[in-house]
Amino acid sequence: MMKTYGWLFAWAWAIPVWGQVNTNQFGANKIEGGNQIAVGTYTEYENQPYLMEEWPKGFLKTTAGKWYTAEKLNYNVSTDRPEFQEGEKRFNPKLELAAFTLGDTTSGVYFQNGFPAVDQQTAKSFYQVLSKGSIKLLKYTKATLLDVTSFNSATKKKRFDFNEMYYVYRPDQKIIRVKKDKKSVLEALPEQASRIEEIASQRKLKLKNWEEIRQVLEAL
């Protein structure tokens, strides 16, 4: 049975690295202050809008290149913004962010913005970066809020519906949405077609799942 979260939300939300990172460069920069998430009328939510169930330690990078730490950080998929938690309160950082990591800086989940606008995303939208290098595999997760209130129910019930979209970011700064198959990847990178075929053949990869696609793109 799906767990129900009796949370209080208001939808007027406050607006205010890959690889080894030397934490001594930014470890002392703790987040100080933030815009607290407001509360509103009572609504039951069947699930959370956050990427992770637990709130791990995280790191945030500003557009000026300065790093900050947060003891508890998560990504709110609904608002497309990271939030940090202090006690039972959650906040939007008062920082102009370029990237952030959920977890440690070597194996954590890394997000970055600054990519060209595409579909409904803007340059400020955050993507999970799945592969490093000049050609990147990006994942954008979108959460749509659905009303699932039962007929004649006195309590409103809502659920976040999550959808994932994948993109290839090319060296010429074009971003192209791709499907989970070799044909789609080859169409996004026609100039790399022979090399993609070669790598896939050498590694016996059929490019029918995102991990295999990630491996090939990272090897280009």
N, C-alpha and C. Protein backbone atom coordinates (compact mmCIF):
# COMPACT_ATOMS: atom_id res chain seq x y z
N MET A 1 0.85 -1.20 0.00
CA MET A 1 0.00 0.00 0.00
C MET A 1 0.88 1.24 0.00
N MET A 2 0.50 2.21 -0.79
CA MET A 2 1.28 3.43 -0.87
C MET A 2 1.15 4.25 0.40
N LYS A 3 2.26 4.73 0.89
CA LYS A 3 2.24 5.52 2.12
C LYS A 3 1.70 6.90 1.85
N THR A 4 0.87 7.40 2.74
CA THR A 4 0.29 8.72 2.59
C THR A 4 1.01 9.71 3.48
N TYR A 5 1.34 10.87 2.92
CA TYR A 5 2.04 11.91 3.67
C TYR A 5 1.08 13.07 3.90
N GLY A 6 0.71 13.31 5.15
CA GLY A 6 -0.18 14.41 5.47
C GLY A 6 0.60 15.68 5.65
N TRP A 7 1.12 16.22 4.55
CA TRP A 7 2.00 17.39 4.61
C TRP A 7 1.21 18.66 4.32
N LEU A 8 1.77 19.75 4.75
CA LEU A 8 1.20 21.06 4.48
C LEU A 8 2.07 21.73 3.43
N PHE A 9 1.44 22.13 2.34
CA PHE A 9 2.17 22.79 1.26
C PHE A 9 1.39 24.02 0.80
N ALA A 10 2.10 25.02 0.35
CA ALA A 10 1.48 26.09 -0.42
C ALA A 10 2.26 26.19 -1.70
N TRP A 11 1.57 26.41 -2.80
CA TRP A 11 2.25 26.33 -4.09
C TRP A 11 2.80 27.67 -4.54
N ALA A 12 2.88 28.65 -3.65
CA ALA A 12 3.63 29.88 -3.93
C ALA A 12 5.02 29.68 -3.34
N TRP A 13 5.83 28.89 -4.05
CA TRP A 13 7.16 28.54 -3.54
C TRP A 13 8.04 29.78 -3.54
N ALA A 14 8.89 29.89 -2.55
CA ALA A 14 9.81 31.03 -2.46
C ALA A 14 10.80 30.98 -3.61
N ILE A 15 11.12 32.16 -4.18
CA ILE A 15 12.08 32.20 -5.28
C ILE A 15 13.34 32.94 -4.82
N PRO A 16 13.96 32.97 -4.55
CA PRO A 16 15.04 33.84 -4.11
C PRO A 16 16.01 34.36 -5.16
N VAL A 17 29.95 18.22 -10.17
CA VAL A 17 31.36 18.15 -10.38
C VAL A 17 31.75 16.72 -10.61
N TRP A 18 31.79 17.20 -11.18
CA TRP A 18 32.02 15.78 -11.44
C TRP A 18 33.43 15.42 -11.03
N GLY A 19 33.61 14.15 -10.46
CA GLY A 19 34.93 13.64 -10.12
C GLY A 19 35.42 14.14 -8.78
N GLN A 20 36.68 13.97 -8.55
CA GLN A 20 37.27 14.30 -7.26
C GLN A 20 37.25 15.81 -7.03
N VAL A 21 36.73 16.22 -5.91
CA VAL A 21 36.70 17.62 -5.53
C VAL A 21 37.37 17.76 -4.18
N ASN A 22 38.24 18.73 -4.06
CA ASN A 22 38.91 18.97 -2.79
C ASN A 22 37.94 19.68 -1.84
N THR A 23 37.39 18.94 -0.90
CA THR A 23 36.38 19.53 -0.01
C THR A 23 36.97 20.63 0.87
N ASN A 24 38.28 20.67 1.00
CA ASN A 24 38.88 21.74 1.78
C ASN A 24 38.67 23.10 1.12
N GLN A 25 38.38 23.09 -0.18
CA GLN A 25 38.17 24.33 -0.89
C GLN A 25 36.84 24.98 -0.55
N PHE A 26 35.87 24.15 -0.13
CA PHE A 26 34.55 24.72 0.12
C PHE A 26 33.87 24.16 1.35
N GLY A 27 34.52 23.25 2.05
CA GLY A 27 33.87 22.60 3.17
C GLY A 27 33.44 23.54 4.28
N ALA A 28 34.13 24.68 4.43
CA ALA A 28 33.79 25.60 5.51
C ALA A 28 32.64 26.52 5.14
N ASN A 29 32.23 26.53 3.90
CA ASN A 29 31.16 27.43 3.46
C ASN A 29 29.80 26.80 3.70
N LYS A 30 29.28 26.98 4.88
CA LYS A 30 27.96 26.44 5.21
C LYS A 30 26.88 27.40 4.73
N ILE A 31 25.77 26.83 4.31
CA ILE A 31 24.64 27.67 3.91
C ILE A 31 24.13 28.44 5.11
N GLU A 32 23.99 29.73 4.94
CA GLU A 32 23.47 30.58 6.02
C GLU A 32 22.21 31.28 5.53
N GLY A 33 21.10 30.80 6.02
CA GLY A 33 19.83 31.43 5.65
C GLY A 33 19.27 30.88 4.36
N GLY A 34 17.97 30.99 4.22
CA GLY A 34 17.30 30.53 3.03
C GLY A 34 15.85 30.93 3.09
N ASN A 35 15.14 30.75 2.01
CA ASN A 35 13.72 31.07 1.97
C ASN A 35 12.93 29.85 2.41
N GLN A 36 12.29 29.94 3.56
CA GLN A 36 11.57 28.80 4.10
C GLN A 36 10.35 28.49 3.25
N ILE A 37 10.10 27.18 3.06
CA ILE A 37 8.93 26.76 2.32
C ILE A 37 7.69 27.03 3.16
N ALA A 38 6.75 27.77 2.59
CA ALA A 38 5.55 28.16 3.32
C ALA A 38 4.58 26.99 3.44
N VAL A 39 3.61 27.14 4.34
CA VAL A 39 2.57 26.12 4.51
C VAL A 39 1.22 26.71 4.14
N GLY A 40 0.29 25.83 3.79
CA GLY A 40 -1.03 26.29 3.38
C GLY A 40 -2.12 25.38 3.91
N THR A 41 -3.21 25.27 3.16
CA THR A 41 -4.30 24.42 3.59
C THR A 41 -3.91 22.96 3.57
N TYR A 42 -4.62 22.19 4.37
CA TYR A 42 -4.27 20.78 4.55
C TYR A 42 -4.62 19.97 3.30
N THR A 43 -3.63 19.26 2.82
CA THR A 43 -3.80 18.35 1.70
C THR A 43 -2.96 17.11 1.95
N GLU A 44 -3.51 15.95 1.68
CA GLU A 44 -2.75 14.72 1.81
C GLU A 44 -2.04 14.42 0.49
N TYR A 45 -0.74 14.11 0.61
CA TYR A 45 0.05 13.76 -0.56
C TYR A 45 0.44 12.29 -0.46
N GLU A 46 0.20 11.56 -1.53
CA GLU A 46 0.50 10.14 -1.53
C GLU A 46 1.99 9.85 -1.67
N ASN A 47 2.74 10.79 -2.18
CA ASN A 47 4.18 10.61 -2.31
C ASN A 47 4.89 11.95 -2.19
N GLN A 48 6.20 11.91 -2.19
CA GLN A 48 6.99 13.11 -2.03
C GLN A 48 7.39 13.69 -3.39
N PRO A 49 7.64 15.01 -3.46
CA PRO A 49 8.14 15.59 -4.71
C PRO A 49 9.66 15.50 -4.82
N TYR A 50 10.30 14.81 -3.87
CA TYR A 50 11.76 14.80 -3.82
C TYR A 50 12.35 13.59 -4.52
N LEU A 51 13.55 13.77 -5.05
CA LEU A 51 14.21 12.70 -5.78
C LEU A 51 14.57 11.54 -4.87
N MET A 52 15.03 11.84 -3.66
CA MET A 52 15.49 10.80 -2.74
C MET A 52 14.60 10.73 -1.50
N GLU A 53 14.43 9.52 -1.02
CA GLU A 53 13.63 9.33 0.20
C GLU A 53 14.36 9.89 1.41
N GLU A 54 15.67 9.63 1.49
CA GLU A 54 16.50 10.18 2.55
C GLU A 54 17.14 11.48 2.07
N TRP A 55 17.52 12.32 3.03
CA TRP A 55 18.17 13.59 2.70
C TRP A 55 19.67 13.47 2.99
N PRO A 56 20.49 13.23 1.98
CA PRO A 56 21.92 13.06 2.23
C PRO A 56 22.64 14.40 2.37
N LYS A 57 23.87 14.35 2.80
CA LYS A 57 24.71 15.54 2.78
C LYS A 57 24.93 15.93 1.32
N GLY A 58 25.00 17.23 1.05
CA GLY A 58 25.17 17.66 -0.33
C GLY A 58 26.07 18.86 -0.46
N PHE A 59 26.39 19.15 -1.70
CA PHE A 59 27.28 20.27 -2.02
C PHE A 59 26.65 21.09 -3.13
N LEU A 60 26.75 22.42 -3.02
CA LEU A 60 26.16 23.30 -4.01
C LEU A 60 27.23 24.23 -4.56
N LYS A 61 27.20 24.43 -5.87
CA LYS A 61 28.16 25.30 -6.54
C LYS A 61 27.43 26.52 -7.10
N THR A 62 27.90 27.71 -6.77
CA THR A 62 27.27 28.93 -7.27
C THR A 62 27.79 29.26 -8.67
N THR A 63 27.11 30.21 -9.32
CA THR A 63 27.56 30.65 -10.64
C THR A 63 28.91 31.34 -10.58
N ALA A 64 29.30 31.79 -9.38
CA ALA A 64 30.61 32.41 -9.20
C ALA A 64 31.70 31.38 -8.94
N GLY A 65 31.33 30.10 -8.85
CA GLY A 65 32.30 29.04 -8.67
C GLY A 65 32.58 28.68 -7.22
N LYS A 66 31.83 29.24 -6.28
CA LYS A 66 32.05 28.96 -4.87
C LYS A 66 31.19 27.78 -4.44
N TRP A 67 31.78 26.90 -3.63
CA TRP A 67 31.07 25.72 -3.15
C TRP A 67 30.54 25.91 -1.73
N TYR A 68 29.38 25.33 -1.46
CA TYR A 68 28.77 25.35 -0.13
C TYR A 68 28.35 23.93 0.23
N THR A 69 28.28 23.65 1.52
CA THR A 69 27.83 22.35 1.98
C THR A 69 26.47 22.48 2.68
N ALA A 70 25.70 21.41 2.62
CA ALA A 70 24.43 21.32 3.33
C ALA A 70 24.39 19.93 3.97
N GLU A 71 24.11 19.87 5.25
CA GLU A 71 24.08 18.59 5.94
C GLU A 71 22.96 17.70 5.43
N LYS A 72 21.85 18.30 5.01
CA LYS A 72 20.73 17.54 4.44
C LYS A 72 20.24 18.29 3.20
N LEU A 73 20.41 17.64 2.05
CA LEU A 73 20.05 18.28 0.78
C LEU A 73 19.23 17.30 -0.06
N ASN A 74 18.29 17.84 -0.82
CA ASN A 74 17.48 17.01 -1.71
C ASN A 74 17.07 17.84 -2.91
N TYR A 75 16.57 17.16 -3.93
CA TYR A 75 16.13 17.84 -5.15
C TYR A 75 14.62 17.74 -5.24
N ASN A 76 13.96 18.91 -5.24
CA ASN A 76 12.51 18.96 -5.39
C ASN A 76 12.20 18.93 -6.89
N VAL A 77 11.73 17.80 -7.35
CA VAL A 77 11.50 17.61 -8.78
C VAL A 77 10.37 18.52 -9.27
N SER A 78 9.40 18.78 -8.41
CA SER A 78 8.26 19.61 -8.79
C SER A 78 8.66 21.04 -9.08
N THR A 79 9.57 21.59 -8.28
CA THR A 79 10.00 22.98 -8.46
C THR A 79 11.30 23.09 -9.24
N ASP A 80 11.95 21.95 -9.50
CA ASP A 80 13.23 21.91 -10.22
C ASP A 80 14.30 22.71 -9.48
N ARG A 81 14.32 22.57 -8.15
CA ARG A 81 15.29 23.28 -7.34
C ARG A 81 15.73 22.42 -6.16
N PRO A 82 16.99 22.54 -5.73
CA PRO A 82 17.42 21.85 -4.52
C PRO A 82 16.88 22.54 -3.28
N GLU A 83 16.69 21.78 -2.22
CA GLU A 83 16.28 22.33 -0.93
C GLU A 83 17.14 21.71 0.15
N PHE A 84 17.41 22.49 1.19
CA PHE A 84 18.14 21.94 2.33
C PHE A 84 17.23 21.94 3.55
N GLN A 85 17.54 21.06 4.48
CA GLN A 85 16.69 20.87 5.65
C GLN A 85 17.47 21.15 6.92
N GLU A 86 16.83 21.89 7.82
CA GLU A 86 17.38 22.14 9.16
C GLU A 86 16.28 21.81 10.15
N GLY A 87 16.48 20.76 10.94
CA GLY A 87 15.42 20.30 11.83
C GLY A 87 14.26 19.80 10.99
N GLU A 88 13.07 20.30 11.24
CA GLU A 88 11.90 19.91 10.47
C GLU A 88 11.57 20.91 9.38
N LYS A 89 12.39 21.96 9.24
CA LYS A 89 12.11 23.01 8.26
C LYS A 89 12.94 22.82 7.01
N ARG A 90 12.35 23.18 5.88
CA ARG A 90 13.02 23.06 4.59
C ARG A 90 13.11 24.44 3.93
N PHE A 91 14.23 24.65 3.23
CA PHE A 91 14.52 25.96 2.69
C PHE A 91 15.04 25.87 1.25
N ASN A 92 14.77 26.95 0.49
CA ASN A 92 15.43 27.16 -0.79
C ASN A 92 16.70 27.97 -0.52
N PRO A 93 17.86 27.52 -0.96
CA PRO A 93 19.09 28.30 -0.74
C PRO A 93 19.02 29.67 -1.40
N LYS A 94 19.52 30.68 -0.70
CA LYS A 94 19.62 32.02 -1.27
C LYS A 94 20.92 32.14 -2.06
N LEU A 95 21.03 31.32 -3.08
CA LEU A 95 22.25 31.27 -3.88
C LEU A 95 21.87 31.16 -5.36
N GLU A 96 22.69 31.78 -6.20
CA GLU A 96 22.54 31.58 -7.64
C GLU A 96 23.36 30.35 -8.00
N LEU A 97 22.68 29.25 -8.28
CA LEU A 97 23.35 27.97 -8.41
C LEU A 97 23.64 27.58 -9.86
N ALA A 98 24.78 26.92 -10.03
CA ALA A 98 25.16 26.36 -11.32
C ALA A 98 25.13 24.84 -11.29
N ALA A 99 25.31 24.26 -10.08
CA ALA A 99 25.36 22.80 -9.97
C ALA A 99 25.18 22.41 -8.50
N PHE A 100 24.87 21.15 -8.27
CA PHE A 100 24.84 20.62 -6.91
C PHE A 100 24.97 19.11 -6.97
N THR A 101 25.41 18.52 -5.85
CA THR A 101 25.59 17.08 -5.75
C THR A 101 24.86 16.56 -4.53
N LEU A 102 24.09 15.51 -4.70
CA LEU A 102 23.46 14.81 -3.59
C LEU A 102 24.33 13.62 -3.23
N GLY A 103 24.92 13.67 -2.03
CA GLY A 103 25.88 12.65 -1.65
C GLY A 103 27.30 13.17 -1.78
N ASP A 104 28.27 12.27 -1.77
CA ASP A 104 29.66 12.72 -1.82
C ASP A 104 30.03 13.18 -3.22
N THR A 105 31.17 13.83 -3.33
CA THR A 105 31.54 14.49 -4.58
C THR A 105 32.15 13.56 -5.61
N THR A 106 32.36 12.31 -5.26
CA THR A 106 32.92 11.37 -6.23
C THR A 106 31.88 10.41 -6.79
N SER A 107 30.90 10.01 -5.99
CA SER A 107 29.91 9.05 -6.45
C SER A 107 28.48 9.52 -6.24
N GLY A 108 28.30 10.76 -5.82
CA GLY A 108 26.95 11.27 -5.60
C GLY A 108 26.23 11.58 -6.89
N VAL A 109 24.95 11.96 -6.78
CA VAL A 109 24.13 12.31 -7.94
C VAL A 109 24.38 13.77 -8.27
N TYR A 110 24.92 14.02 -9.47
CA TYR A 110 25.37 15.36 -9.85
C TYR A 110 24.39 16.03 -10.80
N PHE A 111 24.01 17.27 -10.48
CA PHE A 111 23.09 18.06 -11.30
C PHE A 111 23.77 19.33 -11.77
N GLN A 112 23.38 19.76 -12.95
CA GLN A 112 23.96 20.98 -13.52
C GLN A 112 22.91 21.69 -14.37
N ASN A 113 22.98 23.02 -14.40
CA ASN A 113 22.12 23.77 -15.31
C ASN A 113 23.00 24.51 -16.32
N GLY A 114 22.42 25.45 -17.05
CA GLY A 114 23.20 26.20 -18.03
C GLY A 114 23.17 25.61 -19.43
N PHE A 115 22.36 24.58 -19.64
CA PHE A 115 22.23 24.00 -20.97
C PHE A 115 21.20 24.78 -21.78
N PRO A 116 21.22 24.67 -23.11
CA PRO A 116 20.27 25.42 -23.93
C PRO A 116 18.82 25.03 -23.62
N ALA A 117 17.92 25.98 -23.81
CA ALA A 117 16.50 25.72 -23.60
C ALA A 117 16.02 24.69 -24.62
N VAL A 118 15.19 23.76 -24.15
CA VAL A 118 14.63 22.73 -25.03
C VAL A 118 13.33 22.25 -24.41
N ASP A 119 12.37 21.89 -25.26
CA ASP A 119 11.06 21.47 -24.79
C ASP A 119 10.51 22.53 -23.81
N GLN A 120 10.18 22.16 -22.59
CA GLN A 120 9.68 23.14 -21.62
C GLN A 120 10.76 23.60 -20.64
N GLN A 121 11.99 23.14 -20.82
CA GLN A 121 13.08 23.50 -19.93
C GLN A 121 13.76 24.80 -20.40
N THR A 122 14.33 25.50 -19.42
CA THR A 122 15.08 26.72 -19.70
C THR A 122 16.54 26.50 -19.33
N ALA A 123 17.35 27.53 -19.51
CA ALA A 123 18.77 27.44 -19.15
C ALA A 123 18.96 27.26 -17.65
N LYS A 124 17.94 27.56 -16.85
CA LYS A 124 18.04 27.40 -15.40
C LYS A 124 17.57 26.02 -14.92
N SER A 125 17.08 25.21 -15.83
CA SER A 125 16.62 23.87 -15.46
C SER A 125 17.81 22.98 -15.12
N PHE A 126 17.64 22.13 -14.11
CA PHE A 126 18.71 21.24 -13.67
C PHE A 126 18.54 19.86 -14.30
N TYR A 127 19.65 19.35 -14.82
CA TYR A 127 19.70 18.01 -15.38
C TYR A 127 20.66 17.15 -14.57
N GLN A 128 20.33 15.90 -14.41
CA GLN A 128 21.29 14.95 -13.84
C GLN A 128 22.28 14.58 -14.95
N VAL A 129 23.57 14.80 -14.69
CA VAL A 129 24.60 14.51 -15.67
C VAL A 129 25.05 13.06 -15.49
N LEU A 130 24.77 12.23 -16.49
CA LEU A 130 25.03 10.80 -16.38
C LEU A 130 26.38 10.39 -16.96
N SER A 131 26.92 11.21 -17.85
CA SER A 131 28.24 10.89 -18.41
C SER A 131 29.04 12.17 -18.55
N LYS A 132 30.32 12.08 -18.28
CA LYS A 132 31.20 13.23 -18.43
C LYS A 132 31.81 13.20 -19.82
N GLY A 133 32.59 14.23 -20.12
CA GLY A 133 33.20 14.29 -21.44
C GLY A 133 32.56 15.35 -22.30
N SER A 134 33.01 15.46 -23.55
CA SER A 134 32.49 16.50 -24.45
C SER A 134 31.07 16.21 -24.89
N ILE A 135 30.68 14.93 -24.91
CA ILE A 135 29.30 14.55 -25.21
C ILE A 135 28.67 14.00 -23.94
N LYS A 136 27.62 14.63 -23.48
CA LYS A 136 27.01 14.28 -22.20
C LYS A 136 25.64 13.64 -22.39
N LEU A 137 25.37 12.65 -21.56
CA LEU A 137 24.02 12.10 -21.46
C LEU A 137 23.36 12.75 -20.25
N LEU A 138 22.24 13.41 -20.48
CA LEU A 138 21.54 14.14 -19.43
C LEU A 138 20.16 13.53 -19.18
N LYS A 139 19.75 13.59 -17.93
CA LYS A 139 18.40 13.14 -17.58
C LYS A 139 17.65 14.27 -16.90
N TYR A 140 16.47 14.57 -17.41
CA TYR A 140 15.61 15.58 -16.79
C TYR A 140 14.37 14.88 -16.23
N THR A 141 14.12 15.08 -14.96
CA THR A 141 12.95 14.47 -14.31
C THR A 141 11.91 15.53 -14.04
N LYS A 142 10.70 15.26 -14.44
CA LYS A 142 9.59 16.21 -14.28
C LYS A 142 8.52 15.58 -13.40
N ALA A 143 7.96 16.37 -12.49
CA ALA A 143 6.88 15.89 -11.62
C ALA A 143 5.62 16.71 -11.88
N THR A 144 4.56 16.03 -12.24
CA THR A 144 3.26 16.67 -12.45
C THR A 144 2.35 16.33 -11.29
N LEU A 145 1.71 17.35 -10.72
CA LEU A 145 0.83 17.15 -9.57
C LEU A 145 -0.57 16.77 -10.05
N LEU A 146 -1.03 15.60 -9.61
CA LEU A 146 -2.35 15.10 -9.99
C LEU A 146 -3.30 15.14 -8.81
N ASP A 147 -4.53 15.49 -9.08
CA ASP A 147 -5.58 15.46 -8.05
C ASP A 147 -6.20 14.07 -8.05
N VAL A 148 -6.06 13.35 -6.93
CA VAL A 148 -6.60 11.99 -6.83
C VAL A 148 -7.63 11.91 -5.71
N THR A 149 -8.29 13.03 -5.44
CA THR A 149 -9.30 13.08 -4.40
C THR A 149 -10.49 12.19 -4.76
N SER A 150 -10.92 11.39 -3.81
CA SER A 150 -12.08 10.52 -4.04
C SER A 150 -13.36 11.33 -4.05
N PHE A 151 -14.37 10.80 -4.73
CA PHE A 151 -15.65 11.49 -4.81
C PHE A 151 -16.25 11.65 -3.41
N ASN A 152 -16.71 12.85 -3.10
CA ASN A 152 -17.33 13.19 -1.82
C ASN A 152 -16.34 13.16 -0.65
N SER A 153 -15.04 13.12 -0.93
CA SER A 153 -14.05 13.14 0.15
C SER A 153 -13.89 14.55 0.70
N ALA A 154 -13.80 14.65 2.02
CA ALA A 154 -13.63 15.97 2.65
C ALA A 154 -12.18 16.43 2.61
N THR A 155 -11.27 15.52 2.33
CA THR A 155 -9.85 15.83 2.30
C THR A 155 -9.32 15.74 0.88
N LYS A 156 -8.62 16.77 0.46
CA LYS A 156 -8.00 16.74 -0.85
C LYS A 156 -6.81 15.78 -0.84
N LYS A 157 -6.68 15.01 -1.90
CA LYS A 157 -5.54 14.10 -2.03
C LYS A 157 -4.87 14.33 -3.38
N LYS A 158 -3.54 14.39 -3.32
CA LYS A 158 -2.79 14.63 -4.55
C LYS A 158 -1.59 13.69 -4.62
N ARG A 159 -1.11 13.51 -5.83
CA ARG A 159 0.04 12.64 -6.06
C ARG A 159 0.94 13.24 -7.12
N PHE A 160 2.25 13.10 -6.91
CA PHE A 160 3.22 13.55 -7.90
C PHE A 160 3.49 12.42 -8.89
N ASP A 161 3.32 12.73 -10.16
CA ASP A 161 3.57 11.76 -11.23
C ASP A 161 4.92 12.12 -11.88
N PHE A 162 5.87 11.20 -11.79
CA PHE A 162 7.23 11.47 -12.26
C PHE A 162 7.44 10.94 -13.67
N ASN A 163 8.10 11.75 -14.49
CA ASN A 163 8.45 11.36 -15.85
C ASN A 163 9.90 11.73 -16.12
N GLU A 164 10.63 10.84 -16.77
CA GLU A 164 12.04 11.06 -17.07
C GLU A 164 12.23 11.26 -18.56
N MET A 165 13.06 12.23 -18.92
CA MET A 165 13.40 12.50 -20.31
C MET A 165 14.92 12.55 -20.43
N TYR A 166 15.45 12.00 -21.51
CA TYR A 166 16.89 11.91 -21.69
C TYR A 166 17.33 12.73 -22.90
N TYR A 167 18.51 13.33 -22.77
CA TYR A 167 19.03 14.20 -23.81
C TYR A 167 20.52 13.95 -24.02
N VAL A 168 20.96 14.22 -25.24
CA VAL A 168 22.39 14.23 -25.56
C VAL A 168 22.80 15.69 -25.73
N TYR A 169 23.85 16.08 -25.02
CA TYR A 169 24.39 17.42 -25.17
C TYR A 169 25.67 17.32 -25.99
N ARG A 170 25.67 17.94 -27.15
CA ARG A 170 26.75 17.82 -28.12
C ARG A 170 27.84 18.88 -27.91
N PRO A 171 29.02 18.66 -28.48
CA PRO A 171 30.10 19.65 -28.38
C PRO A 171 29.76 20.99 -29.03
N ASP A 172 28.84 20.98 -30.01
CA ASP A 172 28.43 22.24 -30.65
C ASP A 172 27.33 22.94 -29.86
N GLN A 173 27.11 22.49 -28.61
CA GLN A 173 26.17 23.10 -27.66
C GLN A 173 24.71 22.91 -28.06
N LYS A 174 24.45 21.89 -28.86
CA LYS A 174 23.07 21.53 -29.17
C LYS A 174 22.63 20.44 -28.20
N ILE A 175 21.37 20.50 -27.79
CA ILE A 175 20.82 19.49 -26.89
C ILE A 175 19.67 18.80 -27.62
N ILE A 176 19.73 17.47 -27.66
CA ILE A 176 18.78 16.70 -28.46
C ILE A 176 18.17 15.60 -27.60
N ARG A 177 16.86 15.52 -27.60
CA ARG A 177 16.19 14.47 -26.84
C ARG A 177 16.37 13.13 -27.54
N VAL A 178 16.65 12.09 -26.76
CA VAL A 178 16.89 10.78 -27.35
C VAL A 178 16.01 9.72 -26.68
N LYS A 179 15.77 8.65 -27.43
CA LYS A 179 15.05 7.50 -26.90
C LYS A 179 16.05 6.41 -26.51
N LYS A 180 15.55 5.38 -25.88
CA LYS A 180 16.39 4.30 -25.37
C LYS A 180 16.64 3.26 -26.45
N ASP A 181 17.28 3.70 -27.54
CA ASP A 181 17.66 2.75 -28.59
C ASP A 181 18.79 3.33 -29.43
N LYS A 182 19.49 2.46 -30.14
CA LYS A 182 20.67 2.87 -30.91
C LYS A 182 20.32 3.84 -32.04
N LYS A 183 19.19 3.61 -32.69
CA LYS A 183 18.78 4.46 -33.81
C LYS A 183 18.65 5.91 -33.38
N SER A 184 18.05 6.15 -32.22
CA SER A 184 17.87 7.51 -31.73
C SER A 184 19.21 8.18 -31.41
N VAL A 185 20.12 7.41 -30.82
CA VAL A 185 21.44 7.95 -30.48
C VAL A 185 22.22 8.28 -31.74
N LEU A 186 22.16 7.42 -32.74
CA LEU A 186 22.86 7.66 -34.01
C LEU A 186 22.30 8.90 -34.72
N GLU A 187 21.00 9.10 -34.64
CA GLU A 187 20.39 10.27 -35.26
C GLU A 187 20.81 11.56 -34.57
N ALA A 188 21.04 11.48 -33.25
CA ALA A 188 21.48 12.66 -32.50
C ALA A 188 22.94 12.98 -32.75
N LEU A 189 23.73 11.94 -33.11
CA LEU A 189 25.17 12.12 -33.30
C LEU A 189 25.61 11.47 -34.62
N PRO A 190 25.13 11.95 -35.75
CA PRO A 190 25.45 11.29 -37.03
C PRO A 190 26.94 11.30 -37.35
N GLU A 191 27.65 12.34 -36.93
CA GLU A 191 29.08 12.42 -37.21
C GLU A 191 29.89 11.42 -36.39
N GLN A 192 29.28 10.86 -35.36
CA GLN A 192 29.94 9.87 -34.50
C GLN A 192 29.41 8.46 -34.74
N ALA A 193 28.62 8.29 -35.80
CA ALA A 193 27.93 7.02 -36.03
C ALA A 193 28.89 5.83 -36.13
N SER A 194 29.95 5.97 -36.93
CA SER A 194 30.87 4.84 -37.10
C SER A 194 31.59 4.50 -35.81
N ARG A 195 31.95 5.53 -35.04
CA ARG A 195 32.63 5.30 -33.75
C ARG A 195 31.69 4.66 -32.75
N ILE A 196 30.43 5.07 -32.72
CA ILE A 196 29.44 4.47 -31.82
C ILE A 196 29.25 3.00 -32.16
N GLU A 197 29.13 2.70 -33.44
CA GLU A 197 28.97 1.31 -33.87
C GLU A 197 30.19 0.49 -33.47
N GLU A 198 31.38 1.07 -33.61
CA GLU A 198 32.62 0.37 -33.27
C GLU A 198 32.69 0.04 -31.78
N ILE A 199 32.39 1.04 -30.93
CA ILE A 199 32.44 0.84 -29.48
C ILE A 199 31.40 -0.18 -29.04
N ALA A 200 30.18 -0.05 -29.59
CA ALA A 200 29.11 -0.98 -29.23
C ALA A 200 29.46 -2.41 -29.62
N SER A 201 30.09 -2.57 -30.78
CA SER A 201 30.49 -3.90 -31.24
C SER A 201 31.60 -4.48 -30.37
N GLN A 202 32.60 -3.66 -30.04
CA GLN A 202 33.71 -4.12 -29.22
C GLN A 202 33.25 -4.56 -27.84
N ARG A 203 32.29 -3.84 -27.28
CA ARG A 203 31.82 -4.12 -25.93
C ARG A 203 30.56 -4.99 -25.90
N LYS A 204 30.11 -5.38 -27.09
CA LYS A 204 28.91 -6.22 -27.21
C LYS A 204 27.70 -5.58 -26.54
N LEU A 205 27.51 -4.30 -26.88
CA LEU A 205 26.40 -3.53 -26.33
C LEU A 205 25.35 -3.31 -27.41
N LYS A 206 24.09 -3.49 -27.05
CA LYS A 206 23.00 -3.32 -28.00
C LYS A 206 22.35 -1.94 -27.90
N LEU A 207 22.74 -1.17 -26.90
CA LEU A 207 22.21 0.19 -26.69
C LEU A 207 20.69 0.17 -26.53
N LYS A 208 20.22 -0.78 -25.72
CA LYS A 208 18.79 -0.86 -25.45
C LYS A 208 18.46 -0.46 -24.01
N ASN A 209 19.46 0.02 -23.28
CA ASN A 209 19.20 0.57 -21.94
C ASN A 209 20.13 1.76 -21.74
N TRP A 210 19.79 2.59 -20.75
CA TRP A 210 20.51 3.85 -20.57
C TRP A 210 21.95 3.64 -20.08
N GLU A 211 22.19 2.58 -19.35
CA GLU A 211 23.55 2.33 -18.88
C GLU A 211 24.47 2.01 -20.06
N GLU A 212 24.01 1.22 -21.01
CA GLU A 212 24.83 0.93 -22.17
C GLU A 212 25.04 2.17 -23.03
N ILE A 213 24.01 2.99 -23.17
CA ILE A 213 24.16 4.24 -23.91
C ILE A 213 25.16 5.17 -23.22
N ARG A 214 25.06 5.22 -21.89
CA ARG A 214 26.00 6.05 -21.13
C ARG A 214 27.45 5.60 -21.36
N GLN A 215 27.67 4.30 -21.32
CA GLN A 215 29.02 3.78 -21.51
C GLN A 215 29.61 4.16 -22.86
N VAL A 216 28.79 4.05 -23.89
CA VAL A 216 29.28 4.38 -25.24
C VAL A 216 29.57 5.88 -25.37
N LEU A 217 28.68 6.72 -24.88
CA LEU A 217 28.89 8.16 -24.99
C LEU A 217 30.11 8.60 -24.20
N GLU A 218 30.33 7.99 -23.07
CA GLU A 218 31.48 8.35 -22.26
C GLU A 218 32.79 7.92 -22.91
N ALA A 219 32.73 6.92 -23.78
CA ALA A 219 33.93 6.41 -24.46
C ALA A 219 34.26 7.19 -25.73
N LEU A 220 33.36 8.03 -26.19
CA LEU A 220 33.62 8.80 -27.41
C LEU A 220 34.73 9.83 -27.21
